[in-house]
C-alpha atoms as a PDB file:
ATOM      1  CA  MET A   1     126.717  77.605 -63.032  1.00  0.00           C
ATOM      2  CA  THR A   2     129.300  75.686 -65.167  1.00  0.00           C
ATOM      3  CA  ILE A   3     133.277  76.294 -65.093  1.00  0.00           C
ATOM      4  CA  GLN A   4     132.614  76.574 -68.951  1.00  0.00           C
ATOM      5  CA  ASN A   5     130.023  79.304 -68.634  1.00  0.00           C
ATOM      6  CA  ILE A   6     132.032  81.403 -65.651  1.00  0.00           C
ATOM      7  CA  ILE A   7     135.359  81.070 -68.567  1.00  0.00           C
ATOM      8  CA  THR A   8     132.742  82.588 -71.600  1.00  0.00           C
ATOM      9  CA  THR A   9     131.438  84.912 -69.405  1.00  0.00           C
ATOM     10  CA  LEU A  10     134.838  86.072 -68.272  1.00  0.00           C
ATOM     11  CA  ALA A  11     136.095  86.264 -71.987  1.00  0.00           C
ATOM     12  CA  GLY A  12     132.868  88.351 -73.340  1.00  0.00           C
ATOM     13  CA  ALA A  13     133.339  90.398 -70.432  1.00  0.00           C
ATOM     14  CA  PHE A  14     136.822  91.377 -71.170  1.00  0.00           C
ATOM     15  CA  ILE A  15     136.259  91.816 -75.153  1.00  0.00           C
ATOM     16  CA  PHE A  16     134.047  94.962 -74.393  1.00  0.00           C
ATOM     17  CA  PRO A  17     136.168  96.837 -72.646  1.00  0.00           C
ATOM     18  CA  PHE A  18     139.081  95.770 -74.522  1.00  0.00           C
ATOM     19  CA  LEU A  19     137.884  97.173 -77.766  1.00  0.00           C
ATOM     20  CA  ILE A  20     136.506 100.004 -76.552  1.00  0.00           C
ATOM     21  CA  ARG A  21     140.017 101.297 -75.403  1.00  0.00           C
ATOM     22  CA  LEU A  22     141.932  99.550 -78.930  1.00  0.00           C
ATOM     23  CA  CYS A  23     139.631 101.284 -81.250  1.00  0.00           C
ATOM     24  CA  TRP A  24     137.549 104.056 -80.115  1.00  0.00           C
ATOM     25  CA  GLY A  25     140.681 106.709 -79.601  1.00  0.00           C
ATOM     26  CA  LYS A  26     141.131 106.314 -83.472  1.00  0.00           C
ATOM     27  CA  PHE A  27     138.253 106.225 -84.398  1.00  0.00           C
ATOM     28  CA  CYS A  28     137.665 109.912 -82.579  1.00  0.00           C
ATOM     29  CA  GLU A  29     141.379 110.258 -84.002  1.00  0.00           C
ATOM     30  CA  ILE A  30     140.396 109.444 -87.503  1.00  0.00           C
ATOM     31  CA  TRP A  31     136.903 110.937 -87.905  1.00  0.00           C
ATOM     32  CA  GLY A  32     136.601 113.147 -85.589  1.00  0.00           C
ATOM     33  CA  PRO A  33     132.743 113.252 -83.750  1.00  0.00           C
ATOM     34  CA  ILE A  34     131.152 111.075 -86.545  1.00  0.00           C
ATOM     35  CA  GLY A  35     133.928 109.019 -85.411  1.00  0.00           C
ATOM     36  CA  GLY A  36     132.439 108.746 -81.777  1.00  0.00           C
ATOM     37  CA  TRP A  37     128.998 107.771 -82.854  1.00  0.00           C
ATOM     38  CA  MET A  38     130.542 104.773 -85.604  1.00  0.00           C
ATOM     39  CA  ALA A  39     132.878 104.005 -82.811  1.00  0.00           C
ATOM     40  CA  ALA A  40     129.298 103.335 -80.550  1.00  0.00           C
ATOM     41  CA  GLY A  41     127.717 101.209 -83.605  1.00  0.00           C
ATOM     42  CA  PHE A  42     130.295  99.111 -83.763  1.00  0.00           C
ATOM     43  CA  ILE A  43     132.025  98.263 -81.081  1.00  0.00           C
ATOM     44  CA  VAL A  44     128.570  98.081 -79.134  1.00  0.00           C
ATOM     45  CA  GLY A  45     126.875  96.286 -81.450  1.00  0.00           C
ATOM     46  CA  THR A  46     129.886  94.232 -82.803  1.00  0.00           C
ATOM     47  CA  ALA A  47     130.169  93.558 -78.460  1.00  0.00           C
ATOM     48  CA  TRP A  48     126.370  92.783 -77.489  1.00  0.00           C
ATOM     49  CA  THR A  49     125.932  90.409 -80.561  1.00  0.00           C
ATOM     50  CA  ILE A  50     128.631  88.613 -79.661  1.00  0.00           C
ATOM     51  CA  ASN A  51     127.740  88.362 -75.713  1.00  0.00           C
ATOM     52  CA  HIS A  52     124.099  87.956 -75.718  1.00  0.00           C
ATOM     53  CA  GLY A  53     123.439  86.707 -79.873  1.00  0.00           C
ATOM     54  CA  VAL A  54     126.102  84.053 -79.840  1.00  0.00           C
ATOM     55  CA  GLY A  55     126.149  84.016 -75.716  1.00  0.00           C
ATOM     56  CA  LEU A  56     128.949  84.904 -74.321  1.00  0.00           C
ATOM     57  CA  ILE A  57     127.649  86.361 -71.052  1.00  0.00           C
ATOM     58  CA  VAL A  58     125.759  84.031 -69.549  1.00  0.00           C
ATOM     59  CA  GLN A  59     123.299  85.552 -66.361  1.00  0.00           C
ATOM     60  CA  GLY A  60     121.847  83.093 -64.254  1.00  0.00           C
ATOM     61  CA  ALA A  61     118.649  84.884 -62.165  1.00  0.00           C
ATOM     62  CA  GLY A  62     119.802  87.821 -59.955  1.00  0.00           C
ATOM     63  CA  ALA A  63     122.708  88.465 -62.085  1.00  0.00           C
ATOM     64  CA  ALA A  64     121.014  89.483 -65.259  1.00  0.00           C
ATOM     65  CA  TRP A  65     121.692  93.136 -64.491  1.00  0.00           C
ATOM     66  CA  VAL A  66     125.532  92.736 -64.252  1.00  0.00           C
ATOM     67  CA  ASP A  67     125.966  93.548 -68.016  1.00  0.00           C
ATOM     68  CA  MET A  68     127.955  94.450 -70.336  1.00  0.00           C
ATOM     69  CA  ALA A  69     127.920  98.184 -68.699  1.00  0.00           C
ATOM     70  CA  PHE A  70     129.495  96.823 -65.690  1.00  0.00           C
ATOM     71  CA  ALA A  71     132.036  95.169 -67.843  1.00  0.00           C
ATOM     72  CA  ALA A  72     133.184  98.327 -69.772  1.00  0.00           C
ATOM     73  CA  PHE A  73     133.139  99.611 -66.071  1.00  0.00           C
ATOM     74  CA  SER A  74     135.275  97.421 -64.521  1.00  0.00           C
ATOM     75  CA  GLY A  75     138.078  97.011 -67.033  1.00  0.00           C
ATOM     76  CA  LEU A  76     138.444 100.762 -68.290  1.00  0.00           C
ATOM     77  CA  PHE A  77     138.467 101.592 -64.805  1.00  0.00           C
ATOM     78  CA  VAL A  78     141.545  98.980 -64.469  1.00  0.00           C
ATOM     79  CA  ALA A  79     142.953  99.643 -67.167  1.00  0.00           C
ATOM     80  CA  SER A  80     143.177 103.274 -66.349  1.00  0.00           C
ATOM     81  CA  ALA A  81     144.111 102.650 -62.892  1.00  0.00           C
ATOM     82  CA  MET A  82     147.429 100.775 -64.332  1.00  0.00           C
ATOM     83  CA  SER A  83     148.204 103.450 -66.649  1.00  0.00           C
ATOM     84  CA  GLY A  84     148.801 105.913 -63.884  1.00  0.00           C
ATOM     85  CA  ASP A  85     145.530 108.170 -65.058  1.00  0.00           C
ATOM     86  CA  ASP A  86     143.876 109.737 -62.234  1.00  0.00           C
ATOM     87  CA  ILE A  87     141.328 107.707 -59.986  1.00  0.00           C
ATOM     88  CA  GLY A  88     139.639 109.803 -58.483  1.00  0.00           C
ATOM     89  CA  ALA A  89     138.348 111.417 -62.496  1.00  0.00           C
ATOM     90  CA  GLY A  90     137.492 107.969 -62.843  1.00  0.00           C
ATOM     91  CA  LEU A  91     135.128 107.518 -59.466  1.00  0.00           C
ATOM     92  CA  SER A  92     133.597 110.470 -59.525  1.00  0.00           C
ATOM     93  CA  ASN A  93     132.542 109.267 -62.967  1.00  0.00           C
ATOM     94  CA  ALA A  94     132.046 106.246 -61.481  1.00  0.00           C
ATOM     95  CA  LEU A  95     129.234 108.000 -59.027  1.00  0.00           C
ATOM     96  CA  PHE A  96     127.483 110.339 -61.787  1.00  0.00           C
ATOM     97  CA  ALA A  97     127.265 106.982 -63.829  1.00  0.00           C
ATOM     98  CA  ILE A  98     125.142 105.025 -60.750  1.00  0.00           C
ATOM     99  CA  ILE A  99     123.451 107.953 -59.448  1.00  0.00           C
ATOM    100  CA  GLY A 100     121.930 108.335 -63.486  1.00  0.00           C
ATOM    101  CA  GLY A 101     121.831 105.063 -64.090  1.00  0.00           C
ATOM    102  CA  THR A 102     119.279 104.957 -61.135  1.00  0.00           C
ATOM    103  CA  LEU A 103     117.548 107.611 -61.782  1.00  0.00           C
ATOM    104  CA  GLY A 104     117.461 105.943 -65.828  1.00  0.00           C
ATOM    105  CA  GLY A 105     115.680 103.530 -64.086  1.00  0.00           C
ATOM    106  CA  PHE A 106     113.131 104.995 -61.580  1.00  0.00           C
ATOM    107  CA  ILE A 107     111.628 107.059 -65.448  1.00  0.00           C
ATOM    108  CA  LEU A 108     111.671 104.042 -67.073  1.00  0.00           C
ATOM    109  CA  SER A 109     109.748 101.669 -64.096  1.00  0.00           C
ATOM    110  CA  CYS A 110     107.143 104.526 -63.510  1.00  0.00           C
ATOM    111  CA  LEU A 111     106.093 104.489 -67.459  1.00  0.00           C
END
């Protein structure tokens, strides 16, 4: 992986949690529950298009599973830790997300 690929991957990985932290709450605040669905479509869709359509995130062999979900987790976890939020709740949520993702992956592999 070249230095340019590393820089674009880090920039692409930064954009997604940044947009979530910046915009998702405002969508929900203004439009309520439907705002969460709109945020999911706009933020995740836009970040996916930038990262995979334009190609900011460069994935090599063996690293294809490290994608936007890991970027969202790590970025939002660090932002929460820096703002003084409860780290224990974040770690328990991360554990359950890993268990759920593993279970979901196993179920999909059985199809």
